[in-house]
Amino acid sequence: RAFKERTVDKTYHALVQGLPDPVQGTI
């Protein structure tokens, strides 16, 4: 239920090529 309701905080780190623009955003 918590995963379905999105109350679980999952934090990932990723090393991606280049520099995303903007440097903070939502896909």
mmCIF file of all heavy atoms, coordinates in Angstrom:
data_MODEL
# 
_entry.id   MODEL 
# 
loop_
_atom_site.group_PDB 
_atom_site.id 
_atom_site.type_symbol 
_atom_site.label_atom_id 
_atom_site.label_alt_id 
_atom_site.label_comp_id 
_atom_site.label_asym_id 
_atom_site.label_entity_id 
_atom_site.label_seq_id 
_atom_site.pdbx_PDB_ins_code 
_atom_site.Cartn_x 
_atom_site.Cartn_y 
_atom_site.Cartn_z 
_atom_site.occupancy 
_atom_site.B_iso_or_equiv 
_atom_site.pdbx_formal_charge 
_atom_site.auth_seq_id 
_atom_site.auth_comp_id 
_atom_site.auth_asym_id 
_atom_site.auth_atom_id 
_atom_site.pdbx_PDB_model_num 
ATOM 1   N N   . ARG A 1 1  ? 0.834  -1.207 0.000   1.00 0.00 ? 1  ARG A N   1 
ATOM 2   C CA  . ARG A 1 1  ? 0.000  0.000  0.000   1.00 0.00 ? 1  ARG A CA  1 
ATOM 3   C C   . ARG A 1 1  ? 0.871  1.260  0.000   1.00 0.00 ? 1  ARG A C   1 
ATOM 4   O O   . ARG A 1 1  ? 0.583  2.230  -0.710  1.00 0.00 ? 1  ARG A O   1 
ATOM 5   C CB  . ARG A 1 1  ? -0.920 -0.015 1.227   1.00 0.00 ? 1  ARG A CB  1 
ATOM 6   C CG  . ARG A 1 1  ? -1.896 1.170  1.263   1.00 0.00 ? 1  ARG A CG  1 
ATOM 7   C CD  . ARG A 1 1  ? -2.946 0.970  2.340   1.00 0.00 ? 1  ARG A CD  1 
ATOM 8   N NE  . ARG A 1 1  ? -2.360 0.841  3.671   1.00 0.00 ? 1  ARG A NE  1 
ATOM 9   C CZ  . ARG A 1 1  ? -2.302 -0.279 4.356   1.00 0.00 ? 1  ARG A CZ  1 
ATOM 10  N NH1 . ARG A 1 1  ? -2.800 -1.406 3.845   1.00 0.00 ? 1  ARG A NH1 1 
ATOM 11  N NH2 . ARG A 1 1  ? -1.759 -0.311 5.566   1.00 0.00 ? 1  ARG A NH2 1 
ATOM 12  N N   . ALA A 1 2  ? 1.948  1.240  0.783   1.00 0.00 ? 2  ALA A N   1 
ATOM 13  C CA  . ALA A 1 2  ? 2.830  2.408  0.865   1.00 0.00 ? 2  ALA A CA  1 
ATOM 14  C C   . ALA A 1 2  ? 3.491  2.703  -0.481  1.00 0.00 ? 2  ALA A C   1 
ATOM 15  O O   . ALA A 1 2  ? 3.603  3.870  -0.897  1.00 0.00 ? 2  ALA A O   1 
ATOM 16  C CB  . ALA A 1 2  ? 3.890  2.181  1.939   1.00 0.00 ? 2  ALA A CB  1 
ATOM 17  N N   . PHE A 1 3  ? 3.925  1.666  -1.190  1.00 0.00 ? 3  PHE A N   1 
ATOM 18  C CA  . PHE A 1 3  ? 4.516  1.890  -2.510  1.00 0.00 ? 3  PHE A CA  1 
ATOM 19  C C   . PHE A 1 3  ? 3.467  2.410  -3.483  1.00 0.00 ? 3  PHE A C   1 
ATOM 20  O O   . PHE A 1 3  ? 3.735  3.296  -4.290  1.00 0.00 ? 3  PHE A O   1 
ATOM 21  C CB  . PHE A 1 3  ? 5.156  0.599  -3.037  1.00 0.00 ? 3  PHE A CB  1 
ATOM 22  C CG  . PHE A 1 3  ? 6.568  0.383  -2.552  1.00 0.00 ? 3  PHE A CG  1 
ATOM 23  C CD1 . PHE A 1 3  ? 6.831  -0.480 -1.498  1.00 0.00 ? 3  PHE A CD1 1 
ATOM 24  C CD2 . PHE A 1 3  ? 7.624  1.053  -3.140  1.00 0.00 ? 3  PHE A CD2 1 
ATOM 25  C CE1 . PHE A 1 3  ? 8.134  -0.673 -1.048  1.00 0.00 ? 3  PHE A CE1 1 
ATOM 26  C CE2 . PHE A 1 3  ? 8.930  0.870  -2.702  1.00 0.00 ? 3  PHE A CE2 1 
ATOM 27  C CZ  . PHE A 1 3  ? 9.185  0.004  -1.651  1.00 0.00 ? 3  PHE A CZ  1 
ATOM 28  N N   . LYS A 1 4  ? 2.256  1.876  -3.397  1.00 0.00 ? 4  LYS A N   1 
ATOM 29  C CA  . LYS A 1 4  ? 1.187  2.328  -4.287  1.00 0.00 ? 4  LYS A CA  1 
ATOM 30  C C   . LYS A 1 4  ? 0.825  3.785  -4.019  1.00 0.00 ? 4  LYS A C   1 
ATOM 31  O O   . LYS A 1 4  ? 0.557  4.557  -4.952  1.00 0.00 ? 4  LYS A O   1 
ATOM 32  C CB  . LYS A 1 4  ? -0.052 1.437  -4.110  1.00 0.00 ? 4  LYS A CB  1 
ATOM 33  C CG  . LYS A 1 4  ? -1.197 1.774  -5.051  1.00 0.00 ? 4  LYS A CG  1 
ATOM 34  C CD  . LYS A 1 4  ? -2.365 0.805  -4.887  1.00 0.00 ? 4  LYS A CD  1 
ATOM 35  C CE  . LYS A 1 4  ? -3.501 1.130  -5.839  1.00 0.00 ? 4  LYS A CE  1 
ATOM 36  N NZ  . LYS A 1 4  ? -4.644 0.192  -5.694  1.00 0.00 ? 4  LYS A NZ  1 
ATOM 37  N N   . GLU A 1 5  ? 0.836  4.161  -2.731  1.00 0.00 ? 5  GLU A N   1 
ATOM 38  C CA  . GLU A 1 5  ? 0.479  5.530  -2.354  1.00 0.00 ? 5  GLU A CA  1 
ATOM 39  C C   . GLU A 1 5  ? 1.681  6.467  -2.400  1.00 0.00 ? 5  GLU A C   1 
ATOM 40  O O   . GLU A 1 5  ? 1.570  7.646  -2.062  1.00 0.00 ? 5  GLU A O   1 
ATOM 41  C CB  . GLU A 1 5  ? -0.144 5.529  -0.950  1.00 0.00 ? 5  GLU A CB  1 
ATOM 42  C CG  . GLU A 1 5  ? -1.480 4.782  -0.896  1.00 0.00 ? 5  GLU A CG  1 
ATOM 43  C CD  . GLU A 1 5  ? -2.046 4.661  0.517   1.00 0.00 ? 5  GLU A CD  1 
ATOM 44  O OE1 . GLU A 1 5  ? -1.330 5.034  1.473   1.00 0.00 ? 5  GLU A OE1 1 
ATOM 45  O OE2 . GLU A 1 5  ? -3.192 4.203  0.650   1.00 0.00 ? 5  GLU A OE2 1 
ATOM 46  N N   . ARG A 1 6  ? 2.842  5.946  -2.751  1.00 0.00 ? 6  ARG A N   1 
ATOM 47  C CA  . ARG A 1 6  ? 4.074  6.722  -2.941  1.00 0.00 ? 6  ARG A CA  1 
ATOM 48  C C   . ARG A 1 6  ? 4.543  7.403  -1.662  1.00 0.00 ? 6  ARG A C   1 
ATOM 49  O O   . ARG A 1 6  ? 5.036  8.545  -1.692  1.00 0.00 ? 6  ARG A O   1 
ATOM 50  C CB  . ARG A 1 6  ? 3.883  7.747  -4.071  1.00 0.00 ? 6  ARG A CB  1 
ATOM 51  C CG  . ARG A 1 6  ? 3.503  7.103  -5.386  1.00 0.00 ? 6  ARG A CG  1 
ATOM 52  C CD  . ARG A 1 6  ? 3.148  8.128  -6.448  1.00 0.00 ? 6  ARG A CD  1 
ATOM 53  N NE  . ARG A 1 6  ? 2.682  7.475  -7.670  1.00 0.00 ? 6  ARG A NE  1 
ATOM 54  C CZ  . ARG A 1 6  ? 2.173  8.107  -8.710  1.00 0.00 ? 6  ARG A CZ  1 
ATOM 55  N NH1 . ARG A 1 6  ? 2.050  9.424  -8.687  1.00 0.00 ? 6  ARG A NH1 1 
ATOM 56  N NH2 . ARG A 1 6  ? 1.779  7.431  -9.780  1.00 0.00 ? 6  ARG A NH2 1 
ATOM 57  N N   . THR A 1 7  ? 4.396  6.707  -0.538  1.00 0.00 ? 7  THR A N   1 
ATOM 58  C CA  . THR A 1 7  ? 4.890  7.249  0.728   1.00 0.00 ? 7  THR A CA  1 
ATOM 59  C C   . THR A 1 7  ? 6.259  6.674  1.082   1.00 0.00 ? 7  THR A C   1 
ATOM 60  O O   . THR A 1 7  ? 6.831  7.031  2.112   1.00 0.00 ? 7  THR A O   1 
ATOM 61  C CB  . THR A 1 7  ? 3.908  6.968  1.878   1.00 0.00 ? 7  THR A CB  1 
ATOM 62  O OG1 . THR A 1 7  ? 3.744  5.545  2.025   1.00 0.00 ? 7  THR A OG1 1 
ATOM 63  C CG2 . THR A 1 7  ? 2.557  7.605  1.607   1.00 0.00 ? 7  THR A CG2 1 
ATOM 64  N N   . VAL A 1 8  ? 6.770  5.799  0.234   1.00 0.00 ? 8  VAL A N   1 
ATOM 65  C CA  . VAL A 1 8  ? 8.127  5.274  0.415   1.00 0.00 ? 8  VAL A CA  1 
ATOM 66  C C   . VAL A 1 8  ? 9.086  6.196  -0.330  1.00 0.00 ? 8  VAL A C   1 
ATOM 67  O O   . VAL A 1 8  ? 8.866  6.523  -1.498  1.00 0.00 ? 8  VAL A O   1 
ATOM 68  C CB  . VAL A 1 8  ? 8.252  3.841  -0.126  1.00 0.00 ? 8  VAL A CB  1 
ATOM 69  C CG1 . VAL A 1 8  ? 9.685  3.322  0.010   1.00 0.00 ? 8  VAL A CG1 1 
ATOM 70  C CG2 . VAL A 1 8  ? 7.282  2.906  0.591   1.00 0.00 ? 8  VAL A CG2 1 
ATOM 71  N N   . ASP A 1 9  ? 10.140 6.630  0.360   1.00 0.00 ? 9  ASP A N   1 
ATOM 72  C CA  . ASP A 1 9  ? 11.121 7.516  -0.264  1.00 0.00 ? 9  ASP A CA  1 
ATOM 73  C C   . ASP A 1 9  ? 12.278 6.673  -0.791  1.00 0.00 ? 9  ASP A C   1 
ATOM 74  O O   . ASP A 1 9  ? 13.056 6.117  -0.023  1.00 0.00 ? 9  ASP A O   1 
ATOM 75  C CB  . ASP A 1 9  ? 11.631 8.539  0.748   1.00 0.00 ? 9  ASP A CB  1 
ATOM 76  C CG  . ASP A 1 9  ? 12.620 9.518  0.120   1.00 0.00 ? 9  ASP A CG  1 
ATOM 77  O OD1 . ASP A 1 9  ? 12.670 9.589  -1.119  1.00 0.00 ? 9  ASP A OD1 1 
ATOM 78  O OD2 . ASP A 1 9  ? 13.354 10.195 0.866   1.00 0.00 ? 9  ASP A OD2 1 
ATOM 79  N N   . LYS A 1 10 ? 12.358 6.542  -2.112  1.00 0.00 ? 10 LYS A N   1 
ATOM 80  C CA  . LYS A 1 10 ? 13.449 5.814  -2.764  1.00 0.00 ? 10 LYS A CA  1 
ATOM 81  C C   . LYS A 1 10 ? 14.384 6.845  -3.406  1.00 0.00 ? 10 LYS A C   1 
ATOM 82  O O   . LYS A 1 10 ? 13.960 7.599  -4.289  1.00 0.00 ? 10 LYS A O   1 
ATOM 83  C CB  . LYS A 1 10 ? 12.910 4.872  -3.837  1.00 0.00 ? 10 LYS A CB  1 
ATOM 84  C CG  . LYS A 1 10 ? 11.949 3.811  -3.335  1.00 0.00 ? 10 LYS A CG  1 
ATOM 85  C CD  . LYS A 1 10 ? 11.331 3.042  -4.499  1.00 0.00 ? 10 LYS A CD  1 
ATOM 86  C CE  . LYS A 1 10 ? 10.366 3.914  -5.282  1.00 0.00 ? 10 LYS A CE  1 
ATOM 87  N NZ  . LYS A 1 10 ? 9.706  3.192  -6.397  1.00 0.00 ? 10 LYS A NZ  1 
ATOM 88  N N   . THR A 1 11 ? 15.630 6.878  -2.950  1.00 0.00 ? 11 THR A N   1 
ATOM 89  C CA  . THR A 1 11 ? 16.598 7.835  -3.478  1.00 0.00 ? 11 THR A CA  1 
ATOM 90  C C   . THR A 1 11 ? 17.701 7.090  -4.214  1.00 0.00 ? 11 THR A C   1 
ATOM 91  O O   . THR A 1 11 ? 18.301 6.164  -3.668  1.00 0.00 ? 11 THR A O   1 
ATOM 92  C CB  . THR A 1 11 ? 17.222 8.675  -2.354  1.00 0.00 ? 11 THR A CB  1 
ATOM 93  O OG1 . THR A 1 11 ? 16.187 9.310  -1.600  1.00 0.00 ? 11 THR A OG1 1 
ATOM 94  C CG2 . THR A 1 11 ? 18.147 9.741  -2.925  1.00 0.00 ? 11 THR A CG2 1 
ATOM 95  N N   . TYR A 1 12 ? 17.936 7.488  -5.437  1.00 0.00 ? 12 TYR A N   1 
ATOM 96  C CA  . TYR A 1 12 ? 18.989 6.886  -6.254  1.00 0.00 ? 12 TYR A CA  1 
ATOM 97  C C   . TYR A 1 12 ? 20.054 7.927  -6.575  1.00 0.00 ? 12 TYR A C   1 
ATOM 98  O O   . TYR A 1 12 ? 19.765 9.128  -6.651  1.00 0.00 ? 12 TYR A O   1 
ATOM 99  C CB  . TYR A 1 12 ? 18.417 6.382  -7.584  1.00 0.00 ? 12 TYR A CB  1 
ATOM 100 C CG  . TYR A 1 12 ? 17.421 5.265  -7.474  1.00 0.00 ? 12 TYR A CG  1 
ATOM 101 C CD1 . TYR A 1 12 ? 16.087 5.522  -7.166  1.00 0.00 ? 12 TYR A CD1 1 
ATOM 102 C CD2 . TYR A 1 12 ? 17.795 3.941  -7.702  1.00 0.00 ? 12 TYR A CD2 1 
ATOM 103 C CE1 . TYR A 1 12 ? 15.152 4.495  -7.075  1.00 0.00 ? 12 TYR A CE1 1 
ATOM 104 C CE2 . TYR A 1 12 ? 16.876 2.910  -7.622  1.00 0.00 ? 12 TYR A CE2 1 
ATOM 105 C CZ  . TYR A 1 12 ? 15.561 3.191  -7.306  1.00 0.00 ? 12 TYR A CZ  1 
ATOM 106 O OH  . TYR A 1 12 ? 14.637 2.175  -7.216  1.00 0.00 ? 12 TYR A OH  1 
ATOM 107 N N   . HIS A 1 13 ? 21.273 7.466  -6.778  1.00 0.00 ? 13 HIS A N   1 
ATOM 108 C CA  . HIS A 1 13 ? 22.309 8.293  -7.379  1.00 0.00 ? 13 HIS A CA  1 
ATOM 109 C C   . HIS A 1 13 ? 22.651 7.674  -8.723  1.00 0.00 ? 13 HIS A C   1 
ATOM 110 O O   . HIS A 1 13 ? 22.742 6.445  -8.861  1.00 0.00 ? 13 HIS A O   1 
ATOM 111 C CB  . HIS A 1 13 ? 23.549 8.374  -6.495  1.00 0.00 ? 13 HIS A CB  1 
ATOM 112 C CG  . HIS A 1 13 ? 23.416 9.365  -5.385  1.00 0.00 ? 13 HIS A CG  1 
ATOM 113 N ND1 . HIS A 1 13 ? 24.446 9.690  -4.526  1.00 0.00 ? 13 HIS A ND1 1 
ATOM 114 C CD2 . HIS A 1 13 ? 22.358 10.124 -4.979  1.00 0.00 ? 13 HIS A CD2 1 
ATOM 115 C CE1 . HIS A 1 13 ? 24.036 10.593 -3.645  1.00 0.00 ? 13 HIS A CE1 1 
ATOM 116 N NE2 . HIS A 1 13 ? 22.765 10.865 -3.902  1.00 0.00 ? 13 HIS A NE2 1 
ATOM 117 N N   . ALA A 1 14 ? 22.822 8.525  -9.712  1.00 0.00 ? 14 ALA A N   1 
ATOM 118 C CA  . ALA A 1 14 ? 23.180 8.067  -11.056 1.00 0.00 ? 14 ALA A CA  1 
ATOM 119 C C   . ALA A 1 14 ? 24.269 8.976  -11.602 1.00 0.00 ? 14 ALA A C   1 
ATOM 120 O O   . ALA A 1 14 ? 24.247 10.193 -11.387 1.00 0.00 ? 14 ALA A O   1 
ATOM 121 C CB  . ALA A 1 14 ? 21.957 8.094  -11.978 1.00 0.00 ? 14 ALA A CB  1 
ATOM 122 N N   . LEU A 1 15 ? 25.215 8.378  -12.285 1.00 0.00 ? 15 LEU A N   1 
ATOM 123 C CA  . LEU A 1 15 ? 26.228 9.136  -13.007 1.00 0.00 ? 15 LEU A CA  1 
ATOM 124 C C   . LEU A 1 15 ? 25.840 9.088  -14.475 1.00 0.00 ? 15 LEU A C   1 
ATOM 125 O O   . LEU A 1 15 ? 25.829 8.008  -15.081 1.00 0.00 ? 15 LEU A O   1 
ATOM 126 C CB  . LEU A 1 15 ? 27.614 8.518  -12.786 1.00 0.00 ? 15 LEU A CB  1 
ATOM 127 C CG  . LEU A 1 15 ? 28.808 9.315  -13.335 1.00 0.00 ? 15 LEU A CG  1 
ATOM 128 C CD1 . LEU A 1 15 ? 28.976 10.620 -12.565 1.00 0.00 ? 15 LEU A CD1 1 
ATOM 129 C CD2 . LEU A 1 15 ? 30.089 8.486  -13.268 1.00 0.00 ? 15 LEU A CD2 1 
ATOM 130 N N   . VAL A 1 16 ? 25.465 10.252 -15.010 1.00 0.00 ? 16 VAL A N   1 
ATOM 131 C CA  . VAL A 1 16 ? 24.991 10.295 -16.392 1.00 0.00 ? 16 VAL A CA  1 
ATOM 132 C C   . VAL A 1 16 ? 25.955 11.087 -17.261 1.00 0.00 ? 16 VAL A C   1 
ATOM 133 O O   . VAL A 1 16 ? 26.697 11.949 -16.770 1.00 0.00 ? 16 VAL A O   1 
ATOM 134 C CB  . VAL A 1 16 ? 23.567 10.909 -16.492 1.00 0.00 ? 16 VAL A CB  1 
ATOM 135 C CG1 . VAL A 1 16 ? 22.584 10.143 -15.619 1.00 0.00 ? 16 VAL A CG1 1 
ATOM 136 C CG2 . VAL A 1 16 ? 23.581 12.393 -16.127 1.00 0.00 ? 16 VAL A CG2 1 
ATOM 137 N N   . GLN A 1 17 ? 25.947 10.782 -18.537 1.00 0.00 ? 17 GLN A N   1 
ATOM 138 C CA  . GLN A 1 17 ? 26.830 11.487 -19.459 1.00 0.00 ? 17 GLN A CA  1 
ATOM 139 C C   . GLN A 1 17 ? 26.365 12.925 -19.666 1.00 0.00 ? 17 GLN A C   1 
ATOM 140 O O   . GLN A 1 17 ? 25.166 13.194 -19.760 1.00 0.00 ? 17 GLN A O   1 
ATOM 141 C CB  . GLN A 1 17 ? 26.878 10.741 -20.793 1.00 0.00 ? 17 GLN A CB  1 
ATOM 142 C CG  . GLN A 1 17 ? 27.544 9.385  -20.690 1.00 0.00 ? 17 GLN A CG  1 
ATOM 143 C CD  . GLN A 1 17 ? 27.541 8.614  -21.990 1.00 0.00 ? 17 GLN A CD  1 
ATOM 144 O OE1 . GLN A 1 17 ? 27.785 7.418  -21.995 1.00 0.00 ? 17 GLN A OE1 1 
ATOM 145 N NE2 . GLN A 1 17 ? 27.270 9.276  -23.107 1.00 0.00 ? 17 GLN A NE2 1 
ATOM 146 N N   . GLY A 1 18 ? 27.331 13.840 -19.745 1.00 0.00 ? 18 GLY A N   1 
ATOM 147 C CA  . GLY A 1 18 ? 27.010 15.229 -19.992 1.00 0.00 ? 18 GLY A CA  1 
ATOM 148 C C   . GLY A 1 18 ? 26.414 15.915 -18.779 1.00 0.00 ? 18 GLY A C   1 
ATOM 149 O O   . GLY A 1 18 ? 26.487 15.415 -17.649 1.00 0.00 ? 18 GLY A O   1 
ATOM 150 N N   . LEU A 1 19 ? 25.788 17.065 -19.029 1.00 0.00 ? 19 LEU A N   1 
ATOM 151 C CA  . LEU A 1 19 ? 25.176 17.868 -17.968 1.00 0.00 ? 19 LEU A CA  1 
ATOM 152 C C   . LEU A 1 19 ? 23.727 18.167 -18.331 1.00 0.00 ? 19 LEU A C   1 
ATOM 153 O O   . LEU A 1 19 ? 23.463 18.918 -19.278 1.00 0.00 ? 19 LEU A O   1 
ATOM 154 C CB  . LEU A 1 19 ? 25.939 19.187 -17.788 1.00 0.00 ? 19 LEU A CB  1 
ATOM 155 C CG  . LEU A 1 19 ? 25.366 20.169 -16.754 1.00 0.00 ? 19 LEU A CG  1 
ATOM 156 C CD1 . LEU A 1 19 ? 25.380 19.558 -15.356 1.00 0.00 ? 19 LEU A CD1 1 
ATOM 157 C CD2 . LEU A 1 19 ? 26.133 21.482 -16.788 1.00 0.00 ? 19 LEU A CD2 1 
ATOM 158 N N   . PRO A 1 20 ? 22.764 17.578 -17.602 1.00 0.00 ? 20 PRO A N   1 
ATOM 159 C CA  . PRO A 1 20 ? 21.350 17.864 -17.889 1.00 0.00 ? 20 PRO A CA  1 
ATOM 160 C C   . PRO A 1 20 ? 21.033 19.343 -17.711 1.00 0.00 ? 20 PRO A C   1 
ATOM 161 O O   . PRO A 1 20 ? 21.576 20.007 -16.828 1.00 0.00 ? 20 PRO A O   1 
ATOM 162 C CB  . PRO A 1 20 ? 20.604 17.018 -16.844 1.00 0.00 ? 20 PRO A CB  1 
ATOM 163 C CG  . PRO A 1 20 ? 21.558 15.923 -16.490 1.00 0.00 ? 20 PRO A CG  1 
ATOM 164 C CD  . PRO A 1 20 ? 22.921 16.566 -16.535 1.00 0.00 ? 20 PRO A CD  1 
ATOM 165 N N   . ASP A 1 21 ? 20.170 19.845 -18.564 1.00 0.00 ? 21 ASP A N   1 
ATOM 166 C CA  . ASP A 1 21 ? 19.734 21.237 -18.502 1.00 0.00 ? 21 ASP A CA  1 
ATOM 167 C C   . ASP A 1 21 ? 18.205 21.246 -18.505 1.00 0.00 ? 21 ASP A C   1 
ATOM 168 O O   . ASP A 1 21 ? 17.601 20.765 -19.467 1.00 0.00 ? 21 ASP A O   1 
ATOM 169 C CB  . ASP A 1 21 ? 20.278 22.007 -19.709 1.00 0.00 ? 21 ASP A CB  1 
ATOM 170 C CG  . ASP A 1 21 ? 19.868 23.472 -19.719 1.00 0.00 ? 21 ASP A CG  1 
ATOM 171 O OD1 . ASP A 1 21 ? 19.500 23.988 -18.633 1.00 0.00 ? 21 ASP A OD1 1 
ATOM 172 O OD2 . ASP A 1 21 ? 19.908 24.101 -20.802 1.00 0.00 ? 21 ASP A OD2 1 
ATOM 173 N N   . PRO A 1 22 ? 17.559 21.723 -17.424 1.00 0.00 ? 22 PRO A N   1 
ATOM 174 C CA  . PRO A 1 22 ? 18.152 22.395 -16.264 1.00 0.00 ? 22 PRO A CA  1 
ATOM 175 C C   . PRO A 1 22 ? 18.840 21.416 -15.309 1.00 0.00 ? 22 PRO A C   1 
ATOM 176 O O   . PRO A 1 22 ? 18.676 20.203 -15.433 1.00 0.00 ? 22 PRO A O   1 
ATOM 177 C CB  . PRO A 1 22 ? 16.926 23.047 -15.592 1.00 0.00 ? 22 PRO A CB  1 
ATOM 178 C CG  . PRO A 1 22 ? 15.794 22.117 -15.938 1.00 0.00 ? 22 PRO A CG  1 
ATOM 179 C CD  . PRO A 1 22 ? 16.082 21.648 -17.330 1.00 0.00 ? 22 PRO A CD  1 
ATOM 180 N N   . VAL A 1 23 ? 19.578 21.979 -14.348 1.00 0.00 ? 23 VAL A N   1 
ATOM 181 C CA  . VAL A 1 23 ? 20.332 21.136 -13.425 1.00 0.00 ? 23 VAL A CA  1 
ATOM 182 C C   . VAL A 1 23 ? 19.435 20.549 -12.334 1.00 0.00 ? 23 VAL A C   1 
ATOM 183 O O   . VAL A 1 23 ? 19.862 19.686 -11.564 1.00 0.00 ? 23 VAL A O   1 
ATOM 184 C CB  . VAL A 1 23 ? 21.507 21.899 -12.780 1.00 0.00 ? 23 VAL A CB  1 
ATOM 185 C CG1 . VAL A 1 23 ? 22.533 22.284 -13.826 1.00 0.00 ? 23 VAL A CG1 1 
ATOM 186 C CG2 . VAL A 1 23 ? 21.012 23.138 -12.031 1.00 0.00 ? 23 VAL A CG2 1 
ATOM 187 N N   . GLN A 1 24 ? 18.211 21.016 -12.254 1.00 0.00 ? 24 GLN A N   1 
ATOM 188 C CA  . GLN A 1 24 ? 17.212 20.444 -11.349 1.00 0.00 ? 24 GLN A CA  1 
ATOM 189 C C   . GLN A 1 24 ? 15.888 20.431 -12.089 1.00 0.00 ? 24 GLN A C   1 
ATOM 190 O O   . GLN A 1 24 ? 15.483 21.443 -12.666 1.00 0.00 ? 24 GLN A O   1 
ATOM 191 C CB  . GLN A 1 24 ? 17.094 21.273 -10.066 1.00 0.00 ? 24 GLN A CB  1 
ATOM 192 C CG  . GLN A 1 24 ? 16.092 20.702 -9.075  1.00 0.00 ? 24 GLN A CG  1 
ATOM 193 C CD  . GLN A 1 24 ? 16.122 21.453 -7.740  1.00 0.00 ? 24 GLN A CD  1 
ATOM 194 O OE1 . GLN A 1 24 ? 16.969 22.292 -7.502  1.00 0.00 ? 24 GLN A OE1 1 
ATOM 195 N NE2 . GLN A 1 24 ? 15.195 21.134 -6.864  1.00 0.00 ? 24 GLN A NE2 1 
ATOM 196 N N   . GLY A 1 25 ? 15.233 19.278 -12.110 1.00 0.00 ? 25 GLY A N   1 
ATOM 197 C CA  . GLY A 1 25 ? 13.994 19.237 -12.870 1.00 0.00 ? 25 GLY A CA  1 
ATOM 198 C C   . GLY A 1 25 ? 13.210 17.952 -12.686 1.00 0.00 ? 25 GLY A C   1 
ATOM 199 O O   . GLY A 1 25 ? 13.565 17.098 -11.863 1.00 0.00 ? 25 GLY A O   1 
ATOM 200 N N   . THR A 1 26 ? 12.156 17.836 -13.453 1.00 0.00 ? 26 THR A N   1 
ATOM 201 C CA  . THR A 1 26 ? 11.273 16.670 -13.429 1.00 0.00 ? 26 THR A CA  1 
ATOM 202 C C   . THR A 1 26 ? 11.070 16.166 -14.846 1.00 0.00 ? 26 THR A C   1 
ATOM 203 O O   . THR A 1 26 ? 10.821 16.955 -15.762 1.00 0.00 ? 26 THR A O   1 
ATOM 204 C CB  . THR A 1 26 ? 9.908  17.041 -12.813 1.00 0.00 ? 26 THR A CB  1 
ATOM 205 O OG1 . THR A 1 26 ? 10.089 17.395 -11.440 1.00 0.00 ? 26 THR A OG1 1 
ATOM 206 C CG2 . THR A 1 26 ? 8.936  15.855 -12.898 1.00 0.00 ? 26 THR A CG2 1 
ATOM 207 N N   . ILE A 1 27 ? 11.209 14.861 -15.006 1.00 0.00 ? 27 ILE A N   1 
ATOM 208 C CA  . ILE A 1 27 ? 10.937 14.225 -16.299 1.00 0.00 ? 27 ILE A CA  1 
ATOM 209 C C   . ILE A 1 27 ? 9.592  13.519 -16.181 1.00 0.00 ? 27 ILE A C   1 
ATOM 210 O O   . ILE A 1 27 ? 9.414  12.635 -15.348 1.00 0.00 ? 27 ILE A O   1 
ATOM 211 C CB  . ILE A 1 27 ? 12.031 13.205 -16.659 1.00 0.00 ? 27 ILE A CB  1 
ATOM 212 C CG1 . ILE A 1 27 ? 13.416 13.857 -16.600 1.00 0.00 ? 27 ILE A CG1 1 
ATOM 213 C CG2 . ILE A 1 27 ? 11.778 12.617 -18.045 1.00 0.00 ? 27 ILE A CG2 1 
ATOM 214 C CD1 . ILE A 1 27 ? 14.555 12.863 -16.669 1.00 0.00 ? 27 ILE A CD1 1 
# 
